[in-house]
N, C-alpha and C. Protein backbone atom coordinates (compact mmCIF):
# COMPACT_ATOMS: atom_id res chain seq x y z
N MET A 1 -11.11 46.71 -2.16
CA MET A 1 -11.30 46.21 -0.75
C MET A 1 -12.54 44.83 -0.67
N VAL A 2 -13.64 45.26 -1.20
CA VAL A 2 -14.90 43.66 -1.62
C VAL A 2 -13.68 42.56 -2.37
N GLY A 3 -12.86 42.72 -3.21
CA GLY A 3 -12.27 41.52 -3.78
C GLY A 3 -11.51 40.93 -2.90
N ILE A 4 -10.76 41.55 -1.86
CA ILE A 4 -10.28 41.07 -0.89
C ILE A 4 -10.76 40.33 0.05
N ALA A 5 -12.09 41.17 0.49
CA ALA A 5 -13.04 40.69 1.10
C ALA A 5 -13.34 38.87 0.92
N LEU A 6 -13.96 39.24 -0.59
CA LEU A 6 -14.09 37.81 -1.34
C LEU A 6 -13.35 36.67 -1.43
N ALA A 7 -12.01 37.12 -1.48
CA ALA A 7 -10.91 35.75 -1.64
C ALA A 7 -10.76 35.77 0.16
N CYS A 8 -10.57 36.01 1.37
CA CYS A 8 -10.59 35.65 2.26
C CYS A 8 -11.43 34.79 2.64
N ALA A 9 -12.77 34.99 2.31
CA ALA A 9 -13.71 34.21 2.77
C ALA A 9 -13.72 32.75 2.33
N GLY A 10 -12.81 32.62 1.32
CA GLY A 10 -12.40 30.99 1.10
C GLY A 10 -11.86 30.23 1.83
N CYS A 11 -10.89 31.07 2.34
CA CYS A 11 -10.41 30.16 3.41
C CYS A 11 -11.06 29.74 4.61
N ALA A 12 -10.27 28.33 5.39
CA ALA A 12 -11.48 28.26 5.98
C ALA A 12 -10.36 27.13 7.07
N GLU A 13 -10.15 26.45 8.24
CA GLU A 13 -9.11 26.15 8.52
C GLU A 13 -9.59 24.50 8.63
N VAL A 14 -9.19 23.72 8.74
CA VAL A 14 -9.75 22.10 8.23
C VAL A 14 -9.40 21.54 9.42
N GLN A 15 -10.50 21.18 10.49
CA GLN A 15 -10.38 19.98 11.47
C GLN A 15 -9.69 18.71 11.55
N PRO A 16 -8.70 18.77 12.36
CA PRO A 16 -8.34 17.15 12.24
C PRO A 16 -8.91 16.18 11.54
N TRP A 17 -10.25 15.61 12.11
CA TRP A 17 -11.13 15.15 11.66
C TRP A 17 -11.94 14.97 10.41
N GLU A 18 -11.52 16.13 9.53
CA GLU A 18 -12.10 16.36 8.48
C GLU A 18 -10.81 16.12 7.60
N ARG A 19 -9.62 16.14 7.74
CA ARG A 19 -8.83 15.90 7.09
C ARG A 19 -8.82 14.34 6.45
N GLY A 20 -9.15 13.36 6.68
CA GLY A 20 -9.45 12.05 5.64
C GLY A 20 -10.28 11.98 5.22
N VAL A 21 -11.59 13.23 5.20
CA VAL A 21 -12.15 13.54 3.74
C VAL A 21 -11.73 13.77 2.86
N LEU A 22 -10.62 15.02 3.08
CA LEU A 22 -10.07 15.40 1.81
C LEU A 22 -9.00 14.91 1.31
N ALA A 23 -8.43 13.73 1.90
CA ALA A 23 -6.98 12.78 1.28
C ALA A 23 -7.90 12.07 0.65
N LYS A 24 -8.99 11.41 0.24
CA LYS A 24 -9.69 10.79 -0.49
C LYS A 24 -9.45 10.65 -1.92
N PRO A 25 -9.74 9.52 -2.65
CA PRO A 25 -9.15 10.00 -4.11
C PRO A 25 -10.00 10.77 -4.82
N GLN A 26 -11.45 10.59 -4.52
CA GLN A 26 -11.88 11.48 -5.12
C GLN A 26 -11.81 12.73 -4.68
N MET A 27 -11.38 13.62 -3.99
CA MET A 27 -11.40 14.90 -3.82
C MET A 27 -9.80 15.34 -4.51
N GLN A 28 -9.13 14.41 -5.05
CA GLN A 28 -7.59 15.27 -5.84
C GLN A 28 -8.38 15.55 -7.46
N GLN A 29 -7.44 16.52 -7.23
CA GLN A 29 -7.62 17.09 -8.71
C GLN A 29 -7.04 16.33 -9.97
N ASN A 30 -6.37 15.37 -9.62
CA ASN A 30 -5.81 14.52 -10.74
C ASN A 30 -6.21 12.98 -10.52
N ARG A 31 -7.25 12.62 -10.99
CA ARG A 31 -7.92 11.10 -10.45
C ARG A 31 -6.86 10.15 -10.85
N HIS A 32 -6.50 10.45 -12.03
CA HIS A 32 -5.49 9.38 -13.03
C HIS A 32 -3.95 9.79 -12.93
N SER A 33 -3.34 9.52 -11.95
CA SER A 33 -2.00 10.38 -11.30
C SER A 33 -1.30 9.23 -12.14
N LEU A 34 -1.16 7.55 -13.06
CA LEU A 34 -0.41 6.63 -13.68
C LEU A 34 -0.73 7.88 -15.23
N GLN A 35 -1.88 7.94 -15.26
CA GLN A 35 -2.30 8.23 -16.57
C GLN A 35 -1.38 9.71 -17.19
N GLU A 36 -1.17 10.21 -15.95
CA GLU A 36 -0.63 11.58 -16.38
C GLU A 36 0.71 11.15 -16.16
N ALA A 37 1.52 10.62 -15.01
CA ALA A 37 2.73 10.74 -15.06
C ALA A 37 3.66 9.78 -16.50
N ALA A 38 2.87 9.20 -17.40
CA ALA A 38 2.64 8.97 -18.51
C ALA A 38 3.33 9.53 -19.39
N ARG A 39 1.62 10.57 -19.41
CA ARG A 39 1.69 11.40 -20.52
C ARG A 39 2.89 12.49 -20.38
N THR A 40 3.13 12.78 -18.99
CA THR A 40 4.11 13.51 -18.81
C THR A 40 5.34 13.05 -19.19
N HIS A 41 6.05 11.91 -19.07
CA HIS A 41 6.88 11.48 -19.47
C HIS A 41 7.49 11.80 -21.34
N VAL A 42 6.07 10.89 -22.02
CA VAL A 42 6.44 11.26 -22.92
C VAL A 42 6.17 12.74 -23.41
N GLN A 43 5.53 13.55 -22.54
CA GLN A 43 6.05 14.77 -23.61
C GLN A 43 7.21 15.21 -23.13
N ASN A 44 8.00 14.69 -21.74
CA ASN A 44 9.41 15.50 -21.53
C ASN A 44 10.37 14.80 -22.90
N SER A 45 10.13 13.64 -23.26
CA SER A 45 10.35 12.75 -24.66
C SER A 45 10.78 13.33 -25.66
N ARG A 46 9.42 14.09 -25.75
CA ARG A 46 9.30 14.64 -27.04
C ARG A 46 9.79 15.91 -26.90
N GLU A 47 9.97 16.57 -26.32
CA GLU A 47 10.70 17.83 -26.17
C GLU A 47 12.11 18.06 -25.58
N ALA A 48 12.45 16.62 -25.57
CA ALA A 48 13.92 17.11 -24.90
C ALA A 48 14.32 17.67 -23.65
N ALA A 49 13.57 17.58 -22.83
CA ALA A 49 13.68 18.27 -21.18
C ALA A 49 13.01 17.69 -20.54
N ALA A 50 13.67 17.89 -19.39
CA ALA A 50 13.58 16.93 -18.08
C ALA A 50 12.86 18.18 -17.37
N GLY A 51 11.14 17.40 -16.50
CA GLY A 51 10.82 18.36 -15.53
C GLY A 51 10.92 18.47 -14.29
N GLY A 52 10.43 18.46 -13.57
CA GLY A 52 10.94 18.32 -12.28
C GLY A 52 10.58 17.15 -11.98
N ASP A 53 10.48 15.61 -12.84
CA ASP A 53 9.95 14.16 -12.07
C ASP A 53 11.11 13.51 -12.07
N VAL A 54 10.90 12.23 -12.07
CA VAL A 54 12.26 11.29 -11.50
C VAL A 54 12.98 11.11 -12.85
N ALA A 55 12.39 10.97 -14.01
CA ALA A 55 12.67 10.09 -14.71
C ALA A 55 14.21 11.13 -15.65
N ALA A 56 15.16 10.74 -15.68
CA ALA A 56 16.57 11.77 -16.55
C ALA A 56 16.35 10.96 -17.85
N GLY A 57 17.02 12.26 -18.91
CA GLY A 57 17.09 11.35 -19.71
C GLY A 57 17.19 12.51 -21.01
N GLY A 58 17.03 12.04 -21.71
CA GLY A 58 17.27 12.90 -23.66
C GLY A 58 16.36 12.54 -24.28
N GLY A 59 16.23 13.33 -25.37
CA GLY A 59 14.89 13.31 -26.05
C GLY A 59 14.58 12.25 -26.59
N CYS A 60 15.31 10.97 -26.53
CA CYS A 60 14.97 10.08 -27.15
C CYS A 60 14.24 9.24 -26.23
N GLY A 61 13.79 9.41 -25.36
CA GLY A 61 12.82 8.70 -24.63
C GLY A 61 13.34 7.72 -23.32
N CYS A 62 14.95 7.37 -23.54
CA CYS A 62 15.80 6.84 -22.78
C CYS A 62 16.07 7.21 -21.48
N TYR A 63 16.30 6.33 -20.35
CA TYR A 63 16.52 6.76 -19.16
C TYR A 63 18.03 6.65 -18.78
């Protein structure tokens, strides 16, 4: 019961005027989105698997 109460305590409604602050780049979990996209592409090419991103292709790194 205490765990559930603590987990629910973290939930809060975000007011419309506060959403602009939360949308700033400093608030993102991944600040380097282009670097992460390149890293994901390289990993997918090496693993010969296509994940949930836009690029499709085989293990050669081709599109």
